[in-house]
Protein backbone atom coordinates (compact mmCIF):
# COMPACT_ATOMS: atom_id res chain seq x y z
CA MET A 1 4.41 -17.75 7.77
CA SER A 2 2.58 -15.26 9.36
CA THR A 3 2.64 -14.63 12.73
CA ASP A 4 0.61 -12.12 15.53
CA VAL A 5 -1.51 -10.65 12.92
CA SER A 6 -5.26 -9.61 13.16
CA ILE A 7 -7.21 -6.45 12.13
CA GLY A 8 -8.13 -3.19 14.00
CA SER A 9 -5.77 -1.92 16.05
CA SER A 10 -3.12 -4.67 16.02
CA ARG A 11 0.41 -4.34 14.65
CA ILE A 12 2.31 -5.87 11.94
CA SER A 13 4.76 -8.62 13.15
CA GLU A 14 6.10 -10.09 10.80
CA ALA A 15 2.93 -10.76 8.25
CA PRO A 16 2.85 -11.35 4.40
CA GLN A 17 2.40 -7.85 3.15
CA LYS A 18 1.39 -6.86 -0.42
CA LEU A 19 2.45 -2.99 0.09
CA GLU A 20 5.98 -2.56 -0.37
CA PRO A 21 7.23 1.65 0.67
CA ALA A 22 8.85 1.38 -2.35
CA GLN A 23 5.32 0.44 -4.16
CA ILE A 24 4.01 3.35 -2.27
CA ARG A 25 6.66 5.70 -2.46
CA ALA A 26 8.05 4.74 -6.06
CA ALA A 27 4.91 3.50 -8.69
CA ALA A 28 1.82 3.77 -6.98
CA ARG A 29 1.67 7.94 -6.04
CA ALA A 30 3.16 8.36 -9.07
CA LEU A 31 0.92 6.26 -11.31
CA LEU A 32 -2.09 7.79 -9.95
CA ASP A 33 -0.02 11.34 -10.02
CA TRP A 34 -1.14 11.52 -6.16
CA ARG A 35 1.01 13.49 -3.52
CA GLN A 36 1.21 12.52 -0.13
CA GLU A 37 -1.95 14.76 1.09
CA ASP A 38 -3.82 12.92 -2.01
CA LEU A 39 -3.39 9.37 -0.36
CA SER A 40 -4.18 11.05 3.04
CA LYS A 41 -7.80 12.15 1.88
CA ALA A 42 -8.14 8.99 0.36
CA SER A 43 -6.58 6.27 2.99
CA GLY A 44 -7.89 7.94 5.90
CA VAL A 45 -4.45 7.86 7.11
CA GLY A 46 -2.60 10.97 8.10
CA THR A 47 -0.13 12.67 6.16
CA ALA A 48 3.00 12.54 9.17
CA THR A 49 1.96 8.18 8.80
CA ILE A 50 2.31 8.14 5.30
CA GLN A 51 6.08 10.17 5.40
CA ARG A 52 6.88 7.35 8.14
CA ILE A 53 6.31 4.27 5.91
CA GLU A 54 7.42 6.03 2.58
CA LYS A 55 10.94 6.96 4.49
CA SER A 56 10.95 2.97 5.30
CA ASP A 57 14.05 0.84 3.67
CA GLY A 58 12.52 -2.28 5.71
CA PRO A 59 9.14 -3.74 5.87
CA ILE A 60 6.12 -1.78 6.98
CA THR A 61 5.44 -1.83 10.34
CA GLY A 62 2.47 -0.04 12.73
CA TYR A 63 -0.73 -0.74 12.33
CA VAL A 64 -2.65 -3.20 10.12
CA SER A 65 -5.54 -1.16 9.89
CA THR A 66 -3.18 1.63 8.40
CA VAL A 67 -1.99 -0.38 5.60
CA MET A 68 -5.23 -2.13 4.63
CA ARG A 69 -6.47 1.50 4.37
CA ILE A 70 -3.62 2.45 1.98
CA GLU A 71 -4.53 -0.59 0.39
CA ALA A 72 -7.88 -0.40 -0.30
CA ALA A 73 -7.36 3.29 -1.25
CA PHE A 74 -5.20 2.44 -3.95
CA GLU A 75 -6.98 -0.29 -5.42
CA LYS A 76 -10.07 1.98 -5.48
CA ALA A 77 -8.10 4.22 -7.64
CA GLY A 78 -7.12 1.09 -9.86
CA ILE A 79 -4.07 -0.07 -8.60
CA LEU A 80 -3.17 -3.91 -8.91
CA PHE A 81 -0.30 -4.95 -6.64
CA ILE A 82 1.95 -7.84 -7.91
CA ALA A 83 3.63 -10.55 -5.34
CA ASP A 84 6.93 -11.17 -5.09
CA ASP A 85 7.88 -14.96 -7.29
CA GLU A 86 10.51 -16.86 -8.33
CA ILE A 87 10.35 -14.69 -12.02
CA ALA A 88 10.44 -11.16 -10.96
CA GLY A 89 10.15 -8.95 -7.86
CA ILE A 90 6.97 -6.90 -5.88
CA GLY A 91 5.38 -4.82 -8.21
CA LEU A 92 2.09 -3.02 -9.83
CA ARG A 93 0.25 -1.62 -12.47
CA LEU A 94 -2.97 0.33 -13.44
CA ALA A 95 -6.11 -1.58 -14.18
CA LYS A 96 -7.96 -0.46 -17.07
CA LYS A 97 -10.55 1.51 -17.06
CA LYS A 98 -14.45 -0.39 -17.44
CA LYS A 99 -15.73 0.50 -20.34
CA GLY A 100 -19.02 2.32 -19.72
CA ARG A 101 -22.63 0.60 -20.69
């Protein structure tokens, strides 16, 4: 269940999330061959904030808008996030490139 979550300058408080620190650190940036600086430029989120998020062992804390901007940058670049379920844990994959017409 989610509580106290809204868009804008609100903070994250026990909200279910698609994005986990490990997905940023170990997988999404690696699939795209992005440095933290590349993610910062694509998302508009400061490099120091990205470093703080990636160092976290628990859920991401901070502003909802920050997480949304990071997710949007990854999704725009072709990352598909996979939620935790009864079969397997969290994950991600790189979308197939659309064929030009």
